[in-house]
Amino acid sequence: MRAGNKQTGATNGHHQLIGVDFHDFIQKEQNATNYELALEFGISLGDVKDLKKRLSRN
């Protein structure tokens, strides 16, 4: 059975973005590349892409 992004995020505990200041992320994403954001916040490139996708939906 296939799992979507929501189900994968709920079942896998290693994709938690605890400790990321979302307001700071929003301000820095306008001027920084995905790689720079990943280094700044200590998360993976995939997490940066997922976070941008989630923020654009709201």
Protein backbone atom coordinates (compact mmCIF):
# COMPACT_ATOMS: atom_id res chain seq x y z
CA MET A 1 0.00 0.00 0.00
CA ARG A 2 1.31 3.46 -0.85
CA ALA A 3 1.88 6.09 1.78
CA GLY A 4 1.56 9.82 1.23
CA ASN A 5 3.65 12.59 2.76
CA LYS A 6 1.30 13.04 5.70
CA GLN A 7 1.30 9.36 6.60
CA THR A 8 5.07 9.07 6.20
CA GLY A 9 5.63 12.10 8.42
CA ALA A 10 3.31 10.74 11.07
CA THR A 11 4.84 7.29 11.21
CA ASN A 12 8.52 8.23 10.93
CA GLY A 13 9.80 10.07 13.96
CA HIS A 14 13.06 11.16 12.36
CA HIS A 15 11.39 13.85 10.24
CA GLN A 16 10.59 16.06 13.21
CA LEU A 17 11.51 19.72 12.80
CA ILE A 18 11.87 20.43 16.49
CA GLY A 19 14.00 23.47 17.21
CA VAL A 20 13.41 25.28 13.90
CA ASP A 21 12.25 28.87 14.33
CA PHE A 22 9.67 29.16 11.55
CA HIS A 23 9.57 32.97 11.59
CA ASP A 24 13.34 33.08 11.15
CA PHE A 25 13.10 30.44 8.40
CA ILE A 26 10.51 32.50 6.49
CA GLN A 27 12.69 35.62 6.64
CA LYS A 28 15.85 33.82 5.54
CA GLU A 29 14.28 31.72 2.79
CA GLN A 30 13.82 34.80 0.61
CA ASN A 31 17.56 35.47 0.36
CA ALA A 32 19.19 32.08 0.93
CA THR A 33 19.50 28.90 -1.10
CA ASN A 34 18.17 25.56 0.11
CA TYR A 35 21.70 24.44 0.95
CA GLU A 36 22.36 27.55 3.05
CA LEU A 37 19.07 27.08 4.89
CA ALA A 38 19.91 23.44 5.63
CA LEU A 39 23.27 24.43 7.08
CA GLU A 40 21.80 27.33 9.06
CA PHE A 41 19.08 25.29 10.75
CA GLY A 42 20.86 21.92 10.92
CA ILE A 43 18.31 20.03 8.82
CA SER A 44 18.56 18.06 5.58
CA LEU A 45 17.88 19.42 2.09
CA GLY A 46 14.79 17.24 1.88
CA ASP A 47 13.47 18.77 5.09
CA VAL A 48 14.02 22.26 3.66
CA LYS A 49 12.04 21.35 0.54
CA ASP A 50 9.24 19.79 2.60
CA LEU A 51 9.09 22.81 4.89
CA LYS A 52 8.87 25.20 1.93
CA LYS A 53 6.08 23.06 0.46
CA ARG A 54 4.17 23.08 3.76
CA LEU A 55 4.57 26.83 4.21
CA SER A 56 3.38 27.59 0.69
CA ARG A 57 0.14 25.66 1.28
CA ASN A 58 -0.94 27.88 4.17
